[in-house]
Full PDB file with SEQRES, HELIX, SHEET, SSBOND, CRYST1, ORIGX, SCALE, CONECT and MASTER records, all heavy atoms in Angstrom:
SEQRES   1 A   31  ALA VAL ALA TYR LEU LYS ALA TYR ASP ASN GLN ASN TYR          
SEQRES   2 A   31  ARG LEU ILE LYS LEU LYS TYR LEU TYR GLY TYR SER TYR          
SEQRES   3 A   31  GLN ARG LEU ALA GLN                                          
HELIX    1 AA1 VAL A    2  TYR A    8  1                                   7    
HELIX    2 AA2 ASN A   10  ILE A   16  1                                   7    
HELIX    3 AA3 LYS A   17  LEU A   21  3                                   5    
HELIX    4 AA4 TYR A   26  ALA A   30  1                                   5    
CRYST1    1.000    1.000    1.000  90.00  90.00  90.00 P 1           1          
ORIGX1      1.000000  0.000000  0.000000        0.00000                         
ORIGX2      0.000000  1.000000  0.000000        0.00000                         
ORIGX3      0.000000  0.000000  1.000000        0.00000                         
SCALE1      1.000000  0.000000  0.000000        0.00000                         
SCALE2      0.000000  1.000000  0.000000        0.00000                         
SCALE3      0.000000  0.000000  1.000000        0.00000                         
ATOM      1  N   ALA A   1      74.871 185.246 125.212  1.00  0.00           N  
ATOM      2  CA  ALA A   1      73.697 184.865 126.004  1.00  0.00           C  
ATOM      3  C   ALA A   1      72.466 184.707 125.111  1.00  0.00           C  
ATOM      4  O   ALA A   1      71.691 183.759 125.271  1.00  0.00           O  
ATOM      5  CB  ALA A   1      73.441 185.897 127.098  1.00  0.00           C  
ATOM      6  N   VAL A   2      72.288 185.602 124.158  1.00  0.00           N  
ATOM      7  CA  VAL A   2      71.144 185.526 123.251  1.00  0.00           C  
ATOM      8  C   VAL A   2      71.279 184.302 122.336  1.00  0.00           C  
ATOM      9  O   VAL A   2      70.291 183.627 122.034  1.00  0.00           O  
ATOM     10  CB  VAL A   2      70.992 186.839 122.455  1.00  0.00           C  
ATOM     11  CG1 VAL A   2      69.925 186.719 121.382  1.00  0.00           C  
ATOM     12  CG2 VAL A   2      70.650 187.995 123.392  1.00  0.00           C  
ATOM     13  N   ALA A   3      72.498 183.989 121.919  1.00  0.00           N  
ATOM     14  CA  ALA A   3      72.725 182.793 121.099  1.00  0.00           C  
ATOM     15  C   ALA A   3      72.385 181.525 121.885  1.00  0.00           C  
ATOM     16  O   ALA A   3      71.846 180.563 121.328  1.00  0.00           O  
ATOM     17  CB  ALA A   3      74.170 182.744 120.616  1.00  0.00           C  
ATOM     18  N   TYR A   4      72.678 181.522 123.175  1.00  0.00           N  
ATOM     19  CA  TYR A   4      72.306 180.391 124.029  1.00  0.00           C  
ATOM     20  C   TYR A   4      70.784 180.233 124.051  1.00  0.00           C  
ATOM     21  O   TYR A   4      70.259 179.128 123.935  1.00  0.00           O  
ATOM     22  CB  TYR A   4      72.847 180.578 125.443  1.00  0.00           C  
ATOM     23  CG  TYR A   4      72.480 179.441 126.372  1.00  0.00           C  
ATOM     24  CD1 TYR A   4      73.289 178.318 126.472  1.00  0.00           C  
ATOM     25  CD2 TYR A   4      71.310 179.487 127.129  1.00  0.00           C  
ATOM     26  CE1 TYR A   4      72.946 177.263 127.310  1.00  0.00           C  
ATOM     27  CE2 TYR A   4      70.959 178.446 127.964  1.00  0.00           C  
ATOM     28  CZ  TYR A   4      71.783 177.335 128.057  1.00  0.00           C  
ATOM     29  OH  TYR A   4      71.426 176.295 128.867  1.00  0.00           O  
ATOM     30  N   LEU A   5      70.083 181.370 124.199  1.00  0.00           N  
ATOM     31  CA  LEU A   5      68.620 181.317 124.178  1.00  0.00           C  
ATOM     32  C   LEU A   5      68.108 180.777 122.849  1.00  0.00           C  
ATOM     33  O   LEU A   5      67.147 180.004 122.809  1.00  0.00           O  
ATOM     34  CB  LEU A   5      68.016 182.699 124.426  1.00  0.00           C  
ATOM     35  CG  LEU A   5      68.101 183.265 125.832  1.00  0.00           C  
ATOM     36  CD1 LEU A   5      67.429 184.629 125.875  1.00  0.00           C  
ATOM     37  CD2 LEU A   5      67.488 182.340 126.848  1.00  0.00           C  
ATOM     38  N   LYS A   6      68.753 181.181 121.758  1.00  0.00           N  
ATOM     39  CA  LYS A   6      68.328 180.707 120.436  1.00  0.00           C  
ATOM     40  C   LYS A   6      68.425 179.191 120.351  1.00  0.00           C  
ATOM     41  O   LYS A   6      67.563 178.533 119.773  1.00  0.00           O  
ATOM     42  CB  LYS A   6      69.180 181.352 119.347  1.00  0.00           C  
ATOM     43  CG  LYS A   6      68.756 180.977 117.949  1.00  0.00           C  
ATOM     44  CD  LYS A   6      69.597 181.688 116.910  1.00  0.00           C  
ATOM     45  CE  LYS A   6      69.128 181.342 115.505  1.00  0.00           C  
ATOM     46  NZ  LYS A   6      69.928 182.046 114.497  1.00  0.00           N  
ATOM     47  N   ALA A   7      69.466 178.626 120.953  1.00  0.00           N  
ATOM     48  CA  ALA A   7      69.676 177.186 120.884  1.00  0.00           C  
ATOM     49  C   ALA A   7      68.803 176.413 121.860  1.00  0.00           C  
ATOM     50  O   ALA A   7      68.345 175.311 121.545  1.00  0.00           O  
ATOM     51  CB  ALA A   7      71.149 176.872 121.141  1.00  0.00           C  
ATOM     52  N   TYR A   8      68.551 176.965 123.054  1.00  0.00           N  
ATOM     53  CA  TYR A   8      67.916 176.185 124.110  1.00  0.00           C  
ATOM     54  C   TYR A   8      66.579 176.716 124.616  1.00  0.00           C  
ATOM     55  O   TYR A   8      65.901 176.033 125.376  1.00  0.00           O  
ATOM     56  CB  TYR A   8      68.870 176.042 125.304  1.00  0.00           C  
ATOM     57  CG  TYR A   8      70.120 175.293 124.939  1.00  0.00           C  
ATOM     58  CD1 TYR A   8      71.323 175.952 124.767  1.00  0.00           C  
ATOM     59  CD2 TYR A   8      70.081 173.917 124.760  1.00  0.00           C  
ATOM     60  CE1 TYR A   8      72.467 175.260 124.425  1.00  0.00           C  
ATOM     61  CE2 TYR A   8      71.223 173.217 124.414  1.00  0.00           C  
ATOM     62  CZ  TYR A   8      72.411 173.889 124.248  1.00  0.00           C  
ATOM     63  OH  TYR A   8      73.538 173.211 123.895  1.00  0.00           O  
ATOM     64  N   ASP A   9      66.218 177.929 124.265  1.00  0.00           N  
ATOM     65  CA  ASP A   9      64.968 178.514 124.769  1.00  0.00           C  
ATOM     66  C   ASP A   9      64.403 179.434 123.694  1.00  0.00           C  
ATOM     67  O   ASP A   9      64.479 180.665 123.789  1.00  0.00           O  
ATOM     68  CB  ASP A   9      65.259 179.276 126.064  1.00  0.00           C  
ATOM     69  CG  ASP A   9      64.001 179.703 126.801  1.00  0.00           C  
ATOM     70  OD1 ASP A   9      62.894 179.506 126.260  1.00  0.00           O  
ATOM     71  OD2 ASP A   9      64.128 180.239 127.904  1.00  0.00           O  
ATOM     72  N   ASN A  10      63.816 178.832 122.665  1.00  0.00           N  
ATOM     73  CA  ASN A  10      63.418 179.570 121.474  1.00  0.00           C  
ATOM     74  C   ASN A  10      62.381 180.659 121.747  1.00  0.00           C  
ATOM     75  O   ASN A  10      62.440 181.725 121.141  1.00  0.00           O  
ATOM     76  CB  ASN A  10      62.910 178.598 120.407  1.00  0.00           C  
ATOM     77  CG  ASN A  10      62.886 179.229 119.038  1.00  0.00           C  
ATOM     78  OD1 ASN A  10      63.668 180.110 118.749  1.00  0.00           O  
ATOM     79  ND2 ASN A  10      61.980 178.775 118.203  1.00  0.00           N  
ATOM     80  N   GLN A  11      61.442 180.435 122.654  1.00  0.00           N  
ATOM     81  CA  GLN A  11      60.430 181.454 122.915  1.00  0.00           C  
ATOM     82  C   GLN A  11      61.046 182.716 123.507  1.00  0.00           C  
ATOM     83  O   GLN A  11      60.760 183.826 123.056  1.00  0.00           O  
ATOM     84  CB  GLN A  11      59.335 180.941 123.845  1.00  0.00           C  
ATOM     85  CG  GLN A  11      58.278 182.001 124.093  1.00  0.00           C  
ATOM     86  CD  GLN A  11      57.113 181.521 124.939  1.00  0.00           C  
ATOM     87  OE1 GLN A  11      56.962 180.336 125.169  1.00  0.00           O  
ATOM     88  NE2 GLN A  11      56.300 182.451 125.383  1.00  0.00           N  
ATOM     89  N   ASN A  12      61.919 182.570 124.499  1.00  0.00           N  
ATOM     90  CA  ASN A  12      62.573 183.747 125.075  1.00  0.00           C  
ATOM     91  C   ASN A  12      63.488 184.421 124.062  1.00  0.00           C  
ATOM     92  O   ASN A  12      63.594 185.648 124.042  1.00  0.00           O  
ATOM     93  CB  ASN A  12      63.343 183.367 126.338  1.00  0.00           C  
ATOM     94  CG  ASN A  12      62.431 183.196 127.535  1.00  0.00           C  
ATOM     95  OD1 ASN A  12      61.352 183.756 127.582  1.00  0.00           O  
ATOM     96  ND2 ASN A  12      62.858 182.405 128.497  1.00  0.00           N  
ATOM     97  N   TYR A  13      64.128 183.637 123.216  1.00  0.00           N  
ATOM     98  CA  TYR A  13      64.959 184.219 122.147  1.00  0.00           C  
ATOM     99  C   TYR A  13      64.098 185.083 121.221  1.00  0.00           C  
ATOM    100  O   TYR A  13      64.477 186.216 120.903  1.00  0.00           O  
ATOM    101  CB  TYR A  13      65.654 183.112 121.349  1.00  0.00           C  
ATOM    102  CG  TYR A  13      66.217 183.606 120.049  1.00  0.00           C  
ATOM    103  CD1 TYR A  13      67.357 184.411 120.021  1.00  0.00           C  
ATOM    104  CD2 TYR A  13      65.602 183.306 118.834  1.00  0.00           C  
ATOM    105  CE1 TYR A  13      67.864 184.897 118.828  1.00  0.00           C  
ATOM    106  CE2 TYR A  13      66.108 183.775 117.642  1.00  0.00           C  
ATOM    107  CZ  TYR A  13      67.238 184.567 117.639  1.00  0.00           C  
ATOM    108  OH  TYR A  13      67.730 185.045 116.460  1.00  0.00           O  
ATOM    109  N   ARG A  14      62.948 184.569 120.803  1.00  0.00           N  
ATOM    110  CA  ARG A  14      62.086 185.341 119.904  1.00  0.00           C  
ATOM    111  C   ARG A  14      61.595 186.623 120.561  1.00  0.00           C  
ATOM    112  O   ARG A  14      61.504 187.665 119.911  1.00  0.00           O  
ATOM    113  CB  ARG A  14      60.903 184.502 119.438  1.00  0.00           C  
ATOM    114  CG  ARG A  14      61.284 183.482 118.371  1.00  0.00           C  
ATOM    115  CD  ARG A  14      60.096 182.790 117.784  1.00  0.00           C  
ATOM    116  NE  ARG A  14      59.432 182.029 118.839  1.00  0.00           N  
ATOM    117  CZ  ARG A  14      58.136 181.755 118.868  1.00  0.00           C  
ATOM    118  NH1 ARG A  14      57.351 182.159 117.924  1.00  0.00           N  
ATOM    119  NH2 ARG A  14      57.625 181.053 119.859  1.00  0.00           N  
ATOM    120  N   LEU A  15      61.274 186.548 121.863  1.00  0.00           N  
ATOM    121  CA  LEU A  15      60.833 187.749 122.572  1.00  0.00           C  
ATOM    122  C   LEU A  15      61.922 188.816 122.576  1.00  0.00           C  
ATOM    123  O   LEU A  15      61.663 189.983 122.284  1.00  0.00           O  
ATOM    124  CB  LEU A  15      60.435 187.400 124.004  1.00  0.00           C  
ATOM    125  CG  LEU A  15      59.142 186.613 124.168  1.00  0.00           C  
ATOM    126  CD1 LEU A  15      59.018 186.102 125.594  1.00  0.00           C  
ATOM    127  CD2 LEU A  15      57.950 187.471 123.807  1.00  0.00           C  
ATOM    128  N   ILE A  16      63.153 188.420 122.918  1.00  0.00           N  
ATOM    129  CA  ILE A  16      64.279 189.367 122.945  1.00  0.00           C  
ATOM    130  C   ILE A  16      64.541 189.921 121.554  1.00  0.00           C  
ATOM    131  O   ILE A  16      64.736 191.125 121.367  1.00  0.00           O  
ATOM    132  CB  ILE A  16      65.547 188.684 123.522  1.00  0.00           C  
ATOM    133  CG1 ILE A  16      65.346 188.287 124.988  1.00  0.00           C  
ATOM    134  CG2 ILE A  16      66.781 189.565 123.348  1.00  0.00           C  
ATOM    135  CD1 ILE A  16      65.191 189.444 125.952  1.00  0.00           C  
ATOM    136  N   LYS A  17      64.540 189.052 120.554  1.00  0.00           N  
ATOM    137  CA  LYS A  17      64.822 189.481 119.182  1.00  0.00           C  
ATOM    138  C   LYS A  17      63.776 190.470 118.687  1.00  0.00           C  
ATOM    139  O   LYS A  17      64.123 191.527 118.154  1.00  0.00           O  
ATOM    140  CB  LYS A  17      64.872 188.257 118.263  1.00  0.00           C  
ATOM    141  CG  LYS A  17      65.143 188.596 116.811  1.00  0.00           C  
ATOM    142  CD  LYS A  17      65.174 187.368 115.941  1.00  0.00           C  
ATOM    143  CE  LYS A  17      63.765 186.959 115.586  1.00  0.00           C  
ATOM    144  NZ  LYS A  17      63.687 185.928 114.548  1.00  0.00           N  
ATOM    145  N   LEU A  18      62.495 190.146 118.883  1.00  0.00           N  
ATOM    146  CA  LEU A  18      61.443 191.026 118.383  1.00  0.00           C  
ATOM    147  C   LEU A  18      61.407 192.351 119.136  1.00  0.00           C  
ATOM    148  O   LEU A  18      61.182 193.404 118.534  1.00  0.00           O  
ATOM    149  CB  LEU A  18      60.086 190.325 118.458  1.00  0.00           C  
ATOM    150  CG  LEU A  18      59.909 189.139 117.511  1.00  0.00           C  
ATOM    151  CD1 LEU A  18      58.589 188.427 117.792  1.00  0.00           C  
ATOM    152  CD2 LEU A  18      59.977 189.577 116.064  1.00  0.00           C  
ATOM    153  N   LYS A  19      61.629 192.311 120.440  1.00  0.00           N  
ATOM    154  CA  LYS A  19      61.561 193.535 121.246  1.00  0.00           C  
ATOM    155  C   LYS A  19      62.769 194.439 121.016  1.00  0.00           C  
ATOM    156  O   LYS A  19      62.626 195.645 120.796  1.00  0.00           O  
ATOM    157  CB  LYS A  19      61.432 193.165 122.744  1.00  0.00           C  
ATOM    158  CG  LYS A  19      61.413 194.353 123.669  1.00  0.00           C  
ATOM    159  CD  LYS A  19      60.151 195.148 123.514  1.00  0.00           C  
ATOM    160  CE  LYS A  19      60.140 196.337 124.458  1.00  0.00           C  
ATOM    161  NZ  LYS A  19      59.313 197.412 123.966  1.00  0.00           N  
ATOM    162  N   TYR A  20      63.972 193.874 121.072  1.00  0.00           N  
ATOM    163  CA  TYR A  20      65.166 194.721 121.078  1.00  0.00           C  
ATOM    164  C   TYR A  20      65.872 194.822 119.731  1.00  0.00           C  
ATOM    165  O   TYR A  20      66.550 195.813 119.471  1.00  0.00           O  
ATOM    166  CB  TYR A  20      66.135 194.234 122.150  1.00  0.00           C  
ATOM    167  CG  TYR A  20      65.572 194.467 123.521  1.00  0.00           C  
ATOM    168  CD1 TYR A  20      65.027 193.433 124.267  1.00  0.00           C  
ATOM    169  CD2 TYR A  20      65.528 195.746 124.057  1.00  0.00           C  
ATOM    170  CE1 TYR A  20      64.483 193.659 125.516  1.00  0.00           C  
ATOM    171  CE2 TYR A  20      64.973 195.982 125.293  1.00  0.00           C  
ATOM    172  CZ  TYR A  20      64.454 194.940 126.020  1.00  0.00           C  
ATOM    173  OH  TYR A  20      63.895 195.175 127.246  1.00  0.00           O  
ATOM    174  N   LEU A  21      65.729 193.842 118.875  1.00  0.00           N  
ATOM    175  CA  LEU A  21      66.386 193.928 117.572  1.00  0.00           C  
ATOM    176  C   LEU A  21      65.467 194.548 116.532  1.00  0.00           C  
ATOM    177  O   LEU A  21      65.885 195.376 115.743  1.00  0.00           O  
ATOM    178  CB  LEU A  21      66.839 192.530 117.135  1.00  0.00           C  
ATOM    179  CG  LEU A  21      67.766 192.460 115.933  1.00  0.00           C  
ATOM    180  CD1 LEU A  21      69.029 193.284 116.181  1.00  0.00           C  
ATOM    181  CD2 LEU A  21      68.144 191.026 115.649  1.00  0.00           C  
ATOM    182  N   TYR A  22      64.179 194.161 116.560  1.00  0.00           N  
ATOM    183  CA  TYR A  22      63.227 194.689 115.592  1.00  0.00           C  
ATOM    184  C   TYR A  22      62.400 195.850 116.129  1.00  0.00           C  
ATOM    185  O   TYR A  22      61.658 196.471 115.392  1.00  0.00           O  
ATOM    186  CB  TYR A  22      62.299 193.587 115.094  1.00  0.00           C  
ATOM    187  CG  TYR A  22      63.012 192.536 114.274  1.00  0.00           C  
ATOM    188  CD1 TYR A  22      62.798 191.193 114.506  1.00  0.00           C  
ATOM    189  CD2 TYR A  22      63.902 192.880 113.272  1.00  0.00           C  
ATOM    190  CE1 TYR A  22      63.443 190.225 113.759  1.00  0.00           C  
ATOM    191  CE2 TYR A  22      64.562 191.932 112.529  1.00  0.00           C  
ATOM    192  CZ  TYR A  22      64.326 190.601 112.765  1.00  0.00           C  
ATOM    193  OH  TYR A  22      64.963 189.642 112.032  1.00  0.00           O  
ATOM    194  N   GLY A  23      62.468 196.117 117.426  1.00  0.00           N  
ATOM    195  CA  GLY A  23      61.802 197.290 117.993  1.00  0.00           C  
ATOM    196  C   GLY A  23      60.296 197.166 118.146  1.00  0.00           C  
ATOM    197  O   GLY A  23      59.588 198.163 118.096  1.00  0.00           O  
ATOM    198  N   TYR A  24      59.777 195.952 118.328  1.00  0.00           N  
ATOM    199  CA  TYR A  24      58.334 195.776 118.523  1.00  0.00           C  
ATOM    200  C   TYR A  24      57.904 196.418 119.840  1.00  0.00           C  
ATOM    201  O   TYR A  24      58.581 196.306 120.844  1.00  0.00           O  
ATOM    202  CB  TYR A  24      57.979 194.291 118.599  1.00  0.00           C  
ATOM    203  CG  TYR A  24      57.770 193.592 117.271  1.00  0.00           C  
ATOM    204  CD1 TYR A  24      58.502 193.928 116.145  1.00  0.00           C  
ATOM    205  CD2 TYR A  24      56.841 192.579 117.160  1.00  0.00           C  
ATOM    206  CE1 TYR A  24      58.316 193.274 114.948  1.00  0.00           C  
ATOM    207  CE2 TYR A  24      56.649 191.916 115.966  1.00  0.00           C  
ATOM    208  CZ  TYR A  24      57.384 192.265 114.865  1.00  0.00           C  
ATOM    209  OH  TYR A  24      57.195 191.607 113.684  1.00  0.00           O  
ATOM    210  N   SER A  25      56.744 197.053 119.826  1.00  0.00           N  
ATOM    211  CA  SER A  25      56.134 197.539 121.061  1.00  0.00           C  
ATOM    212  C   SER A  25      55.502 196.346 121.772  1.00  0.00           C  
ATOM    213  O   SER A  25      55.309 195.284 121.179  1.00  0.00           O  
ATOM    214  CB  SER A  25      55.067 198.588 120.741  1.00  0.00           C  
ATOM    215  OG  SER A  25      53.994 197.979 120.035  1.00  0.00           O  
ATOM    216  N   TYR A  26      55.141 196.512 123.050  1.00  0.00           N  
ATOM    217  CA  TYR A  26      54.492 195.425 123.779  1.00  0.00           C  
ATOM    218  C   TYR A  26      53.154 195.057 123.137  1.00  0.00           C  
ATOM    219  O   TYR A  26      52.784 193.887 123.067  1.00  0.00           O  
ATOM    220  CB  TYR A  26      54.291 195.784 125.251  1.00  0.00           C  
ATOM    221  CG  TYR A  26      55.582 195.825 126.035  1.00  0.00           C  
ATOM    222  CD1 TYR A  26      56.028 196.998 126.615  1.00  0.00           C  
ATOM    223  CD2 TYR A  26      56.357 194.680 126.184  1.00  0.00           C  
ATOM    224  CE1 TYR A  26      57.204 197.039 127.336  1.00  0.00           C  
ATOM    225  CE2 TYR A  26      57.535 194.705 126.897  1.00  0.00           C  
ATOM    226  CZ  TYR A  26      57.963 195.885 127.469  1.00  0.00           C  
ATOM    227  OH  TYR A  26      59.141 195.914 128.164  1.00  0.00           O  
ATOM    228  N   GLN A  27      52.435 196.053 122.644  1.00  0.00           N  
ATOM    229  CA  GLN A  27      51.144 195.793 122.019  1.00  0.00           C  
ATOM    230  C   GLN A  27      51.313 194.984 120.738  1.00  0.00           C  
ATOM    231  O   GLN A  27      50.610 193.992 120.521  1.00  0.00           O  
ATOM    232  CB  GLN A  27      50.437 197.118 121.723  1.00  0.00           C  
ATOM    233  CG  GLN A  27      49.055 196.940 121.125  1.00  0.00           C  
ATOM    234  CD  GLN A  27      48.371 198.272 120.869  1.00  0.00           C  
ATOM    235  OE1 GLN A  27      48.984 199.320 120.970  1.00  0.00           O  
ATOM    236  NE2 GLN A  27      47.096 198.226 120.535  1.00  0.00           N  
ATOM    237  N   ARG A  28      52.263 195.378 119.918  1.00  0.00           N  
ATOM    238  CA  ARG A  28      52.494 194.642 118.672  1.00  0.00           C  
ATOM    239  C   ARG A  28      53.031 193.242 118.955  1.00  0.00           C  
ATOM    240  O   ARG A  28      52.665 192.278 118.285  1.00  0.00           O  
ATOM    241  CB  ARG A  28      53.474 195.405 117.793  1.00  0.00           C  
ATOM    242  CG  ARG A  28      53.680 194.720 116.468  1.00  0.00           C  
ATOM    243  CD  ARG A  28      54.335 195.594 115.469  1.00  0.00           C  
ATOM    244  NE  ARG A  28      54.451 194.882 114.218  1.00  0.00           N  
ATOM    245  CZ  ARG A  28      55.245 195.235 113.258  1.00  0.00           C  
ATOM    246  NH1 ARG A  28      55.987 196.310 113.392  1.00  0.00           N  
ATOM    247  NH2 ARG A  28      55.313 194.542 112.157  1.00  0.00           N  
ATOM    248  N   LEU A  29      53.879 193.133 119.958  1.00  0.00           N  
ATOM    249  CA  LEU A  29      54.408 191.829 120.346  1.00  0.00           C  
ATOM    250  C   LEU A  29      53.287 190.922 120.849  1.00  0.00           C  
ATOM    251  O   LEU A  29      53.248 189.724 120.531  1.00  0.00           O  
ATOM    252  CB  LEU A  29      55.486 192.022 121.415  1.00  0.00           C  
ATOM    253  CG  LEU A  29      56.415 190.873 121.724  1.00  0.00           C  
ATOM    254  CD1 LEU A  29      57.082 190.326 120.482  1.00  0.00           C  
ATOM    255  CD2 LEU A  29      57.477 191.326 122.706  1.00  0.00           C  
ATOM    256  N   ALA A  30      52.348 191.480 121.602  1.00  0.00           N  
ATOM    257  CA  ALA A  30      51.204 190.698 122.083  1.00  0.00           C  
ATOM    258  C   ALA A  30      50.350 190.210 120.917  1.00  0.00           C  
ATOM    259  O   ALA A  30      49.899 189.055 120.910  1.00  0.00           O  
ATOM    260  CB  ALA A  30      50.369 191.535 123.047  1.00  0.00           C  
ATOM    261  N   GLN A  31      50.144 191.053 119.922  1.00  0.00           N  
ATOM    262  CA  GLN A  31      49.389 190.637 118.736  1.00  0.00           C  
ATOM    263  C   GLN A  31      50.111 189.506 118.016  1.00  0.00           C  
ATOM    264  O   GLN A  31      49.494 188.529 117.581  1.00  0.00           O  
ATOM    265  CB  GLN A  31      49.193 191.816 117.785  1.00  0.00           C  
ATOM    266  CG  GLN A  31      48.254 192.872 118.289  1.00  0.00           C  
ATOM    267  CD  GLN A  31      48.256 194.111 117.413  1.00  0.00           C  
ATOM    268  OE1 GLN A  31      49.090 194.270 116.527  1.00  0.00           O  
ATOM    269  NE2 GLN A  31      47.316 195.010 117.671  1.00  0.00           N  
TER     270      GLN A  31                                                      
MASTER        0    0    0    4    0    0    0    6  269    1    0    3          
END                                                                             
């Protein structure tokens, strides 16, 4: 599912990757 997002919905893919793979907080993600 995440690979599908990477191919077709790059913004949502980046959000998932930064939040759950890299562990960004909401504040850091907003920055």
